[in-house]
Every structure is written in C-alpha cells, then in structure tokens.
Amino acid sequence: VAHTSVLLFNILDVSRFMPTHEPQAPEEEDNDAILNI
C-alpha cells in the first residue's frame, strides 16, 4: 500500500535568506563596523 497514497499540498509563502535589495554604499560617517561590512 505504500505506493497507493500521495499527499498533495500547496505552498503558502516563502522565506528567503537573501538581501531584500541590492546593497548601496553607506554614509562616510557611519560606524566602522558598517563601513567594514
């Protein structure tokens, strides 16, 4: 009976470990940690 059953479901949403937008250069007066990253 293993083959006889298939569970079908839909995808509701996605969470991505990606930047939300293309990074832009920081302000020159920002903290050193910001400038270094």
ModelCIF file with pLDDT and N, C-alpha, C, O atoms, coordinates in Angstrom:
data_MODEL
#
_entry.id   MODEL 
#
_entity.id                         1 
_entity.type                       polymer 
_entity.pdbx_number_of_molecules   1 
#
_entity_poly.entity_id                      1 
_entity_poly.type                           'polypeptide(L)' 
_entity_poly.nstd_linkage                   no 
_entity_poly.nstd_monomer                   no 
_entity_poly.pdbx_seq_one_letter_code       VAHTSVLLFNILDVSRFMPTHEPQAPEEEDNDAILNI 
_entity_poly.pdbx_seq_one_letter_code_can   VAHTSVLLFNILDVSRFMPTHEPQAPEEEDNDAILNI 
_entity_poly.pdbx_strand_id                 A 
#
loop_
_entity_poly_seq.entity_id 
_entity_poly_seq.num 
_entity_poly_seq.mon_id 
_entity_poly_seq.hetero 
1 1  VAL n 
1 2  ALA n 
1 3  HIS n 
1 4  THR n 
1 5  SER n 
1 6  VAL n 
1 7  LEU n 
1 8  LEU n 
1 9  PHE n 
1 10 ASN n 
1 11 ILE n 
1 12 LEU n 
1 13 ASP n 
1 14 VAL n 
1 15 SER n 
1 16 ARG n 
1 17 PHE n 
1 18 MET n 
1 19 PRO n 
1 20 THR n 
1 21 HIS n 
1 22 GLU n 
1 23 PRO n 
1 24 GLN n 
1 25 ALA n 
1 26 PRO n 
1 27 GLU n 
1 28 GLU n 
1 29 GLU n 
1 30 ASP n 
1 31 ASN n 
1 32 ASP n 
1 33 ALA n 
1 34 ILE n 
1 35 LEU n 
1 36 ASN n 
1 37 ILE n 
#
_struct_asym.id          A 
_struct_asym.entity_id   1 
#
loop_
_ma_qa_metric.id 
_ma_qa_metric.mode 
_ma_qa_metric.name 
_ma_qa_metric.software_group_id 
_ma_qa_metric.type 
1 global pLDDT . pLDDT 
2 local  pLDDT . pLDDT 
#
_ma_qa_metric_global.metric_id      1 
_ma_qa_metric_global.metric_value   92.76 
_ma_qa_metric_global.model_id       1 
_ma_qa_metric_global.ordinal_id     1 
#
loop_
_ma_qa_metric_local.label_asym_id 
_ma_qa_metric_local.label_comp_id 
_ma_qa_metric_local.label_seq_id 
_ma_qa_metric_local.metric_id 
_ma_qa_metric_local.metric_value 
_ma_qa_metric_local.model_id 
_ma_qa_metric_local.ordinal_id 
A VAL 1  2 97.00 1 1  
A ALA 2  2 96.00 1 2  
A HIS 3  2 95.00 1 3  
A THR 4  2 95.00 1 4  
A SER 5  2 96.00 1 5  
A VAL 6  2 97.00 1 6  
A LEU 7  2 97.00 1 7  
A LEU 8  2 98.00 1 8  
A PHE 9  2 97.00 1 9  
A ASN 10 2 97.00 1 10 
A ILE 11 2 97.00 1 11 
A LEU 12 2 96.00 1 12 
A ASP 13 2 95.00 1 13 
A VAL 14 2 95.00 1 14 
A SER 15 2 93.00 1 15 
A ARG 16 2 90.00 1 16 
A PHE 17 2 87.00 1 17 
A MET 18 2 86.00 1 18 
A PRO 19 2 87.00 1 19 
A THR 20 2 86.00 1 20 
A HIS 21 2 88.00 1 21 
A GLU 22 2 92.00 1 22 
A PRO 23 2 93.00 1 23 
A GLN 24 2 93.00 1 24 
A ALA 25 2 94.00 1 25 
A PRO 26 2 93.00 1 26 
A GLU 27 2 90.00 1 27 
A GLU 28 2 86.00 1 28 
A GLU 29 2 85.00 1 29 
A ASP 30 2 88.00 1 30 
A ASN 31 2 91.00 1 31 
A ASP 32 2 93.00 1 32 
A ALA 33 2 92.00 1 33 
A ILE 34 2 93.00 1 34 
A LEU 35 2 95.00 1 35 
A ASN 36 2 94.00 1 36 
A ILE 37 2 95.00 1 37 
#
loop_
_atom_site.group_PDB 
_atom_site.id 
_atom_site.type_symbol 
_atom_site.label_atom_id 
_atom_site.label_alt_id 
_atom_site.label_comp_id 
_atom_site.label_asym_id 
_atom_site.label_entity_id 
_atom_site.label_seq_id 
_atom_site.pdbx_PDB_ins_code 
_atom_site.Cartn_x 
_atom_site.Cartn_y 
_atom_site.Cartn_z 
_atom_site.occupancy 
_atom_site.B_iso_or_equiv 
_atom_site.pdbx_formal_charge 
_atom_site.auth_seq_id 
_atom_site.auth_comp_id 
_atom_site.auth_asym_id 
_atom_site.auth_atom_id 
_atom_site.pdbx_PDB_model_num 
ATOM 1   N N  . VAL A 1 1  ? 0.783  -1.243 0.000  1.00 97.00 ? 1  VAL A N  1 
ATOM 2   C CA . VAL A 1 1  ? 0.000  0.000  0.000  1.00 97.00 ? 1  VAL A CA 1 
ATOM 3   C C  . VAL A 1 1  ? 0.813  1.290  0.000  1.00 97.00 ? 1  VAL A C  1 
ATOM 4   O O  . VAL A 1 1  ? 0.230  2.364  -0.150 1.00 97.00 ? 1  VAL A O  1 
ATOM 5   N N  . ALA A 1 2  ? 2.128  1.230  0.161  1.00 96.00 ? 2  ALA A N  1 
ATOM 6   C CA . ALA A 1 2  ? 2.901  2.479  0.238  1.00 96.00 ? 2  ALA A CA 1 
ATOM 7   C C  . ALA A 1 2  ? 2.690  3.341  -1.001 1.00 96.00 ? 2  ALA A C  1 
ATOM 8   O O  . ALA A 1 2  ? 2.525  4.557  -0.895 1.00 96.00 ? 2  ALA A O  1 
ATOM 9   N N  . HIS A 1 3  ? 2.696  2.715  -2.174 1.00 95.00 ? 3  HIS A N  1 
ATOM 10  C CA . HIS A 1 3  ? 2.611  3.483  -3.417 1.00 95.00 ? 3  HIS A CA 1 
ATOM 11  C C  . HIS A 1 3  ? 1.232  4.083  -3.665 1.00 95.00 ? 3  HIS A C  1 
ATOM 12  O O  . HIS A 1 3  ? 1.100  5.035  -4.434 1.00 95.00 ? 3  HIS A O  1 
ATOM 13  N N  . THR A 1 4  ? 0.211  3.537  -3.024 1.00 95.00 ? 4  THR A N  1 
ATOM 14  C CA . THR A 1 4  ? -1.155 3.914  -3.406 1.00 95.00 ? 4  THR A CA 1 
ATOM 15  C C  . THR A 1 4  ? -1.535 5.329  -2.994 1.00 95.00 ? 4  THR A C  1 
ATOM 16  O O  . THR A 1 4  ? -2.425 5.920  -3.607 1.00 95.00 ? 4  THR A O  1 
ATOM 17  N N  . SER A 1 5  ? -0.884 5.895  -1.968 1.00 96.00 ? 5  SER A N  1 
ATOM 18  C CA . SER A 1 5  ? -1.307 7.193  -1.436 1.00 96.00 ? 5  SER A CA 1 
ATOM 19  C C  . SER A 1 5  ? -0.272 8.281  -1.693 1.00 96.00 ? 5  SER A C  1 
ATOM 20  O O  . SER A 1 5  ? 0.933  8.074  -1.545 1.00 96.00 ? 5  SER A O  1 
ATOM 21  N N  . VAL A 1 6  ? -0.780 9.442  -2.081 1.00 97.00 ? 6  VAL A N  1 
ATOM 22  C CA . VAL A 1 6  ? 0.051  10.628 -2.303 1.00 97.00 ? 6  VAL A CA 1 
ATOM 23  C C  . VAL A 1 6  ? -0.570 11.777 -1.527 1.00 97.00 ? 6  VAL A C  1 
ATOM 24  O O  . VAL A 1 6  ? -1.762 12.050 -1.664 1.00 97.00 ? 6  VAL A O  1 
ATOM 25  N N  . LEU A 1 7  ? 0.234  12.450 -0.714 1.00 97.00 ? 7  LEU A N  1 
ATOM 26  C CA . LEU A 1 7  ? -0.241 13.648 -0.016 1.00 97.00 ? 7  LEU A CA 1 
ATOM 27  C C  . LEU A 1 7  ? 0.034  14.860 -0.897 1.00 97.00 ? 7  LEU A C  1 
ATOM 28  O O  . LEU A 1 7  ? 1.190  15.167 -1.190 1.00 97.00 ? 7  LEU A O  1 
ATOM 29  N N  . LEU A 1 8  ? -1.019 15.547 -1.319 1.00 98.00 ? 8  LEU A N  1 
ATOM 30  C CA . LEU A 1 8  ? -0.883 16.757 -2.124 1.00 98.00 ? 8  LEU A CA 1 
ATOM 31  C C  . LEU A 1 8  ? -1.124 17.979 -1.240 1.00 98.00 ? 8  LEU A C  1 
ATOM 32  O O  . LEU A 1 8  ? -2.057 18.005 -0.437 1.00 98.00 ? 8  LEU A O  1 
ATOM 33  N N  . PHE A 1 9  ? -0.267 18.991 -1.401 1.00 97.00 ? 9  PHE A N  1 
ATOM 34  C CA . PHE A 1 9  ? -0.462 20.221 -0.629 1.00 97.00 ? 9  PHE A CA 1 
ATOM 35  C C  . PHE A 1 9  ? 0.058  21.410 -1.439 1.00 97.00 ? 9  PHE A C  1 
ATOM 36  O O  . PHE A 1 9  ? 0.826  21.250 -2.388 1.00 97.00 ? 9  PHE A O  1 
ATOM 37  N N  . ASN A 1 10 ? -0.379 22.596 -1.042 1.00 97.00 ? 10 ASN A N  1 
ATOM 38  C CA . ASN A 1 10 ? 0.032  23.813 -1.718 1.00 97.00 ? 10 ASN A CA 1 
ATOM 39  C C  . ASN A 1 10 ? 0.995  24.602 -0.838 1.00 97.00 ? 10 ASN A C  1 
ATOM 40  O O  . ASN A 1 10 ? 1.002  24.466 0.385  1.00 97.00 ? 10 ASN A O  1 
ATOM 41  N N  . ILE A 1 11 ? 1.802  25.426 -1.488 1.00 97.00 ? 11 ILE A N  1 
ATOM 42  C CA . ILE A 1 11 ? 2.756  26.288 -0.787 1.00 97.00 ? 11 ILE A CA 1 
ATOM 43  C C  . ILE A 1 11 ? 2.103  27.650 -0.566 1.00 97.00 ? 11 ILE A C  1 
ATOM 44  O O  . ILE A 1 11 ? 1.535  28.233 -1.489 1.00 97.00 ? 11 ILE A O  1 
ATOM 45  N N  . LEU A 1 12 ? 2.189  28.143 0.656  1.00 96.00 ? 12 LEU A N  1 
ATOM 46  C CA . LEU A 1 12 ? 1.522  29.392 1.025  1.00 96.00 ? 12 LEU A CA 1 
ATOM 47  C C  . LEU A 1 12 ? 2.431  30.604 0.919  1.00 96.00 ? 12 LEU A C  1 
ATOM 48  O O  . LEU A 1 12 ? 1.985  31.691 0.552  1.00 96.00 ? 12 LEU A O  1 
ATOM 49  N N  . ASP A 1 13 ? 3.701  30.419 1.240  1.00 95.00 ? 13 ASP A N  1 
ATOM 50  C CA . ASP A 1 13 ? 4.616  31.560 1.264  1.00 95.00 ? 13 ASP A CA 1 
ATOM 51  C C  . ASP A 1 13 ? 6.052  31.041 1.287  1.00 95.00 ? 13 ASP A C  1 
ATOM 52  O O  . ASP A 1 13 ? 6.285  29.846 1.466  1.00 95.00 ? 13 ASP A O  1 
ATOM 53  N N  . VAL A 1 14 ? 7.001  31.941 1.106  1.00 95.00 ? 14 VAL A N  1 
ATOM 54  C CA . VAL A 1 14 ? 8.413  31.577 1.089  1.00 95.00 ? 14 VAL A CA 1 
ATOM 55  C C  . VAL A 1 14 ? 9.193  32.591 1.923  1.00 95.00 ? 14 VAL A C  1 
ATOM 56  O O  . VAL A 1 14 ? 8.956  33.796 1.838  1.00 95.00 ? 14 VAL A O  1 
ATOM 57  N N  . SER A 1 15 ? 10.121 32.089 2.722  1.00 93.00 ? 15 SER A N  1 
ATOM 58  C CA . SER A 1 15 ? 11.062 32.944 3.439  1.00 93.00 ? 15 SER A CA 1 
ATOM 59  C C  . SER A 1 15 ? 12.450 32.682 2.871  1.00 93.00 ? 15 SER A C  1 
ATOM 60  O O  . SER A 1 15 ? 12.905 31.538 2.842  1.00 93.00 ? 15 SER A O  1 
ATOM 61  N N  . ARG A 1 16 ? 13.120 33.728 2.423  1.00 90.00 ? 16 ARG A N  1 
ATOM 62  C CA . ARG A 1 16 ? 14.420 33.571 1.779  1.00 90.00 ? 16 ARG A CA 1 
ATOM 63  C C  . ARG A 1 16 ? 15.513 34.249 2.600  1.00 90.00 ? 16 ARG A C  1 
ATOM 64  O O  . ARG A 1 16 ? 15.326 35.336 3.146  1.00 90.00 ? 16 ARG A O  1 
ATOM 65  N N  . PHE A 1 17 ? 16.641 33.585 2.669  1.00 87.00 ? 17 PHE A N  1 
ATOM 66  C CA . PHE A 1 17 ? 17.807 34.168 3.327  1.00 87.00 ? 17 PHE A CA 1 
ATOM 67  C C  . PHE A 1 17 ? 18.602 34.918 2.265  1.00 87.00 ? 17 PHE A C  1 
ATOM 68  O O  . PHE A 1 17 ? 19.725 34.556 1.913  1.00 87.00 ? 17 PHE A O  1 
ATOM 69  N N  . MET A 1 18 ? 17.963 35.992 1.766  1.00 86.00 ? 18 MET A N  1 
ATOM 70  C CA . MET A 1 18 ? 18.539 36.796 0.704  1.00 86.00 ? 18 MET A CA 1 
ATOM 71  C C  . MET A 1 18 ? 18.400 38.267 1.074  1.00 86.00 ? 18 MET A C  1 
ATOM 72  O O  . MET A 1 18 ? 17.535 38.629 1.871  1.00 86.00 ? 18 MET A O  1 
ATOM 73  N N  . PRO A 1 19 ? 19.235 39.101 0.510  1.00 87.00 ? 19 PRO A N  1 
ATOM 74  C CA . PRO A 1 19 ? 19.064 40.542 0.762  1.00 87.00 ? 19 PRO A CA 1 
ATOM 75  C C  . PRO A 1 19 ? 17.747 41.019 0.177  1.00 87.00 ? 19 PRO A C  1 
ATOM 76  O O  . PRO A 1 19 ? 17.313 40.538 -0.869 1.00 87.00 ? 19 PRO A O  1 
ATOM 77  N N  . THR A 1 20 ? 17.113 41.967 0.858  1.00 86.00 ? 20 THR A N  1 
ATOM 78  C CA . THR A 1 20 ? 15.838 42.480 0.364  1.00 86.00 ? 20 THR A CA 1 
ATOM 79  C C  . THR A 1 20 ? 16.034 43.406 -0.829 1.00 86.00 ? 20 THR A C  1 
ATOM 80  O O  . THR A 1 20 ? 15.105 43.643 -1.600 1.00 86.00 ? 20 THR A O  1 
ATOM 81  N N  . HIS A 1 21 ? 17.244 43.926 -0.974 1.00 88.00 ? 21 HIS A N  1 
ATOM 82  C CA . HIS A 1 21 ? 17.552 44.807 -2.104 1.00 88.00 ? 21 HIS A CA 1 
ATOM 83  C C  . HIS A 1 21 ? 19.066 44.827 -2.296 1.00 88.00 ? 21 HIS A C  1 
ATOM 84  O O  . HIS A 1 21 ? 19.821 44.434 -1.406 1.00 88.00 ? 21 HIS A O  1 
ATOM 85  N N  . GLU A 1 22 ? 19.490 45.281 -3.447 1.00 92.00 ? 22 GLU A N  1 
ATOM 86  C CA . GLU A 1 22 ? 20.920 45.381 -3.742 1.00 92.00 ? 22 GLU A CA 1 
ATOM 87  C C  . GLU A 1 22 ? 21.562 46.391 -2.787 1.00 92.00 ? 22 GLU A C  1 
ATOM 88  O O  . GLU A 1 22 ? 21.110 47.533 -2.700 1.00 92.00 ? 22 GLU A O  1 
ATOM 89  N N  . PRO A 1 23 ? 22.615 45.975 -2.067 1.00 93.00 ? 23 PRO A N  1 
ATOM 90  C CA . PRO A 1 23 ? 23.234 46.889 -1.097 1.00 93.00 ? 23 PRO A CA 1 
ATOM 91  C C  . PRO A 1 23 ? 23.815 48.139 -1.767 1.00 93.00 ? 23 PRO A C  1 
ATOM 92  O O  . PRO A 1 23 ? 24.378 48.079 -2.861 1.00 93.00 ? 23 PRO A O  1 
ATOM 93  N N  . GLN A 1 24 ? 23.662 49.259 -1.084 1.00 93.00 ? 24 GLN A N  1 
ATOM 94  C CA . GLN A 1 24 ? 24.250 50.533 -1.520 1.00 93.00 ? 24 GLN A CA 1 
ATOM 95  C C  . GLN A 1 24 ? 25.322 50.962 -0.528 1.00 93.00 ? 24 GLN A C  1 
ATOM 96  O O  . GLN A 1 24 ? 25.317 50.544 0.629  1.00 93.00 ? 24 GLN A O  1 
ATOM 97  N N  . ALA A 1 25 ? 26.234 51.795 -0.993 1.00 94.00 ? 25 ALA A N  1 
ATOM 98  C CA . ALA A 1 25 ? 27.334 52.238 -0.132 1.00 94.00 ? 25 ALA A CA 1 
ATOM 99  C C  . ALA A 1 25 ? 26.786 52.996 1.082  1.00 94.00 ? 25 ALA A C  1 
ATOM 100 O O  . ALA A 1 25 ? 25.827 53.755 0.944  1.00 94.00 ? 25 ALA A O  1 
ATOM 101 N N  . PRO A 1 26 ? 27.377 52.804 2.269  1.00 93.00 ? 26 PRO A N  1 
ATOM 102 C CA . PRO A 1 26 ? 26.923 53.520 3.470  1.00 93.00 ? 26 PRO A CA 1 
ATOM 103 C C  . PRO A 1 26 ? 27.424 54.963 3.468  1.00 93.00 ? 26 PRO A C  1 
ATOM 104 O O  . PRO A 1 26 ? 28.220 55.363 2.618  1.00 93.00 ? 26 PRO A O  1 
ATOM 105 N N  . GLU A 1 27 ? 26.946 55.717 4.423  1.00 90.00 ? 27 GLU A N  1 
ATOM 106 C CA . GLU A 1 27 ? 27.430 57.079 4.608  1.00 90.00 ? 27 GLU A CA 1 
ATOM 107 C C  . GLU A 1 27 ? 28.842 57.047 5.195  1.00 90.00 ? 27 GLU A C  1 
ATOM 108 O O  . GLU A 1 27 ? 29.173 56.153 5.973  1.00 90.00 ? 27 GLU A O  1 
ATOM 109 N N  . GLU A 1 28 ? 29.659 58.010 4.826  1.00 86.00 ? 28 GLU A N  1 
ATOM 110 C CA . GLU A 1 28 ? 31.057 58.016 5.281  1.00 86.00 ? 28 GLU A CA 1 
ATOM 111 C C  . GLU A 1 28 ? 31.165 58.129 6.797  1.00 86.00 ? 28 GLU A C  1 
ATOM 112 O O  . GLU A 1 28 ? 32.133 57.658 7.394  1.00 86.00 ? 28 GLU A O  1 
ATOM 113 N N  . GLU A 1 29 ? 30.161 58.758 7.420  1.00 85.00 ? 29 GLU A N  1 
ATOM 114 C CA . GLU A 1 29 ? 30.222 58.946 8.867  1.00 85.00 ? 29 GLU A CA 1 
ATOM 115 C C  . GLU A 1 29 ? 29.675 57.754 9.643  1.00 85.00 ? 29 GLU A C  1 
ATOM 116 O O  . GLU A 1 29 ? 29.635 57.795 10.873 1.00 85.00 ? 29 GLU A O  1 
ATOM 117 N N  . ASP A 1 30 ? 29.252 56.692 8.956  1.00 88.00 ? 30 ASP A N  1 
ATOM 118 C CA . ASP A 1 30 ? 28.726 55.515 9.647  1.00 88.00 ? 30 ASP A CA 1 
ATOM 119 C C  . ASP A 1 30 ? 29.796 54.854 10.500 1.00 88.00 ? 30 ASP A C  1 
ATOM 120 O O  . ASP A 1 30 ? 30.992 55.089 10.328 1.00 88.00 ? 30 ASP A O  1 
ATOM 121 N N  . ASN A 1 31 ? 29.329 54.015 11.429 1.00 91.00 ? 31 ASN A N  1 
ATOM 122 C CA . ASN A 1 31 ? 30.225 53.264 12.308 1.00 91.00 ? 31 ASN A CA 1 
ATOM 123 C C  . ASN A 1 31 ? 31.205 52.417 11.489 1.00 91.00 ? 31 ASN A C  1 
ATOM 124 O O  . ASN A 1 31 ? 30.874 51.960 10.395 1.00 91.00 ? 31 ASN A O  1 
ATOM 125 N N  . ASP A 1 32 ? 32.420 52.213 12.031 1.00 93.00 ? 32 ASP A N  1 
ATOM 126 C CA . ASP A 1 32 ? 33.441 51.446 11.312 1.00 93.00 ? 32 ASP A CA 1 
ATOM 127 C C  . ASP A 1 32 ? 32.959 50.045 10.945 1.00 93.00 ? 32 ASP A C  1 
ATOM 128 O O  . ASP A 1 32 ? 33.302 49.535 9.878  1.00 93.00 ? 32 ASP A O  1 
ATOM 129 N N  . ALA A 1 33 ? 32.167 49.416 11.815 1.00 92.00 ? 33 ALA A N  1 
ATOM 130 C CA . ALA A 1 33 ? 31.664 48.068 11.527 1.00 92.00 ? 33 ALA A CA 1 
ATOM 131 C C  . ALA A 1 33 ? 30.788 48.083 10.280 1.00 92.00 ? 33 ALA A C  1 
ATOM 132 O O  . ALA A 1 33 ? 30.840 47.152 9.476  1.00 92.00 ? 33 ALA A O  1 
ATOM 133 N N  . ILE A 1 34 ? 29.986 49.129 10.111 1.00 93.00 ? 34 ILE A N  1 
ATOM 134 C CA . ILE A 1 34 ? 29.139 49.277 8.924  1.00 93.00 ? 34 ILE A CA 1 
ATOM 135 C C  . ILE A 1 34 ? 30.012 49.444 7.692  1.00 93.00 ? 34 ILE A C  1 
ATOM 136 O O  . ILE A 1 34 ? 29.773 48.798 6.671  1.00 93.00 ? 34 ILE A O  1 
ATOM 137 N N  . LEU A 1 35 ? 31.016 50.300 7.775  1.00 95.00 ? 35 LEU A N  1 
ATOM 138 C CA . LEU A 1 35 ? 31.918 50.537 6.638  1.00 95.00 ? 35 LEU A CA 1 
ATOM 139 C C  . LEU A 1 35 ? 32.694 49.273 6.274  1.00 95.00 ? 35 LEU A C  1 
ATOM 140 O O  . LEU A 1 35 ? 32.926 49.003 5.095  1.00 95.00 ? 35 LEU A O  1 
ATOM 141 N N  . ASN A 1 36 ? 33.093 48.507 7.275  1.00 94.00 ? 36 ASN A N  1 
ATOM 142 C CA . ASN A 1 36 ? 33.893 47.304 7.017  1.00 94.00 ? 36 ASN A CA 1 
ATOM 143 C C  . ASN A 1 36 ? 33.069 46.194 6.361  1.00 94.00 ? 36 ASN A C  1 
ATOM 144 O O  . ASN A 1 36 ? 33.579 45.466 5.509  1.00 94.00 ? 36 ASN A O  1 
ATOM 145 N N  . ILE A 1 37 ? 31.804 46.060 6.750  1.00 95.00 ? 37 ILE A N  1 
ATOM 146 C CA . ILE A 1 37 ? 30.993 45.005 6.129  1.00 95.00 ? 37 ILE A CA 1 
ATOM 147 C C  . ILE A 1 37 ? 30.704 45.345 4.667  1.00 95.00 ? 37 ILE A C  1 
ATOM 148 O O  . ILE A 1 37 ? 30.035 44.578 3.975  1.00 95.00 ? 37 ILE A O  1 
#
